[in-house]
C-alpha cells in the first residue's frame, strides 16, 4: 500500500465523489475511475478505427476476410 499527498481541496472532491458513487473506500473509487478512463480511451480508439474504415469505404467484415490470409501466413511463418 502507498500513501500519496494531495491538496486539501482535491481530497474534499474525492470524498464527495466517493459518496456520490457509493464506493466502499477511496481505493475502490480510484480503481473504478481508472477503469472508466481506460474504457473511455478504448471507445475513442474504437470510434477512430470505425471512422477510418468508413473513410476508406471498407467494412469490418471485408477487413477481417482480407486480413485472414495475412494472419495465416504469419502463423505459418512463426509456428
Protein backbone atom coordinates (compact mmCIF):
# COMPACT_ATOMS: atom_id res chain seq x y z
CA UNK A 1 0.00 0.00 0.00
CA UNK A 2 1.20 3.51 -0.85
CA UNK A 3 0.38 6.91 0.56
CA UNK A 4 0.13 9.97 -1.67
CA UNK A 5 -0.07 13.64 -0.77
CA UNK A 6 -2.85 15.66 -2.38
CA UNK A 7 -4.15 19.17 -1.78
CA UNK A 8 -6.98 19.52 0.74
CA UNK A 9 -9.45 20.75 -1.91
CA UNK A 10 -8.79 17.68 -4.07
CA UNK A 11 -9.29 15.46 -1.04
CA UNK A 12 -12.68 17.04 -0.42
CA UNK A 13 -13.69 16.48 -4.06
CA UNK A 14 -12.59 12.84 -3.87
CA UNK A 15 -14.62 12.30 -0.70
CA UNK A 16 -17.71 13.86 -2.33
CA UNK A 17 -17.25 11.66 -5.37
CA UNK A 18 -16.80 8.58 -3.18
CA UNK A 19 -20.15 9.26 -1.52
CA UNK A 20 -21.89 10.03 -4.84
CA UNK A 21 -20.59 6.82 -6.44
CA UNK A 22 -21.33 4.75 -3.34
CA UNK A 23 -17.80 3.39 -3.15
CA UNK A 24 -16.81 1.46 -0.03
CA UNK A 25 -13.46 3.22 0.17
CA UNK A 26 -11.17 5.54 -1.75
CA UNK A 27 -9.22 2.67 -3.24
CA UNK A 28 -12.38 1.25 -4.82
CA UNK A 29 -13.30 4.70 -6.13
CA UNK A 30 -9.91 5.20 -7.76
CA UNK A 31 -9.99 1.68 -9.21
CA UNK A 32 -13.38 2.45 -10.79
CA UNK A 33 -12.18 5.81 -12.08
CA UNK A 34 -9.17 4.16 -13.72
CA UNK A 35 -11.47 1.56 -15.30
CA UNK A 36 -13.79 4.29 -16.61
CA UNK A 37 -10.81 6.17 -18.02
CA UNK A 38 -9.49 3.08 -19.81
CA UNK A 39 -12.97 2.28 -21.10
CA UNK A 40 -13.31 5.82 -22.48
CA UNK A 41 -9.91 5.59 -24.21
CA UNK A 42 -10.95 2.25 -25.75
CA UNK A 43 -14.22 3.73 -27.01
CA UNK A 44 -12.35 6.69 -28.53
CA UNK A 45 -9.93 4.35 -30.31
CA UNK A 46 -12.83 2.20 -31.50
CA UNK A 47 -14.62 5.24 -32.92
CA UNK A 48 -11.44 6.40 -34.65
CA UNK A 49 -10.99 2.91 -36.14
CA UNK A 50 -14.61 2.83 -37.40
CA UNK A 51 -14.25 6.33 -38.83
CA UNK A 52 -11.07 5.33 -40.68
CA UNK A 53 -12.79 2.24 -42.09
CA UNK A 54 -15.72 4.37 -43.24
CA UNK A 55 -13.32 6.94 -44.73
CA UNK A 56 -11.64 4.18 -46.76
CA UNK A 57 -15.04 2.65 -47.62
CA UNK A 58 -14.11 -0.68 -46.01
CA UNK A 59 -16.44 -2.83 -43.93
CA UNK A 60 -15.24 -4.67 -40.85
CA UNK A 61 -16.26 -8.00 -42.45
CA UNK A 62 -14.16 -7.34 -45.55
CA UNK A 63 -11.22 -6.20 -43.43
CA UNK A 64 -11.35 -9.42 -41.41
CA UNK A 65 -11.68 -11.51 -44.56
CA UNK A 66 -8.70 -9.81 -46.22
CA UNK A 67 -6.57 -10.00 -43.11
CA UNK A 68 -7.23 -13.72 -42.62
CA UNK A 69 -4.70 -14.63 -45.31
CA UNK A 70 -2.06 -12.39 -43.74
CA UNK A 71 -2.73 -13.85 -40.27
CA UNK A 72 -2.39 -17.38 -41.66
CA UNK A 73 0.92 -16.51 -43.37
CA UNK A 74 2.28 -15.03 -40.16
CA UNK A 75 1.14 -18.07 -38.15
CA UNK A 76 2.77 -20.44 -40.67
CA UNK A 77 5.99 -18.46 -40.54
CA UNK A 78 6.17 -18.22 -36.75
CA UNK A 79 4.70 -21.55 -35.71
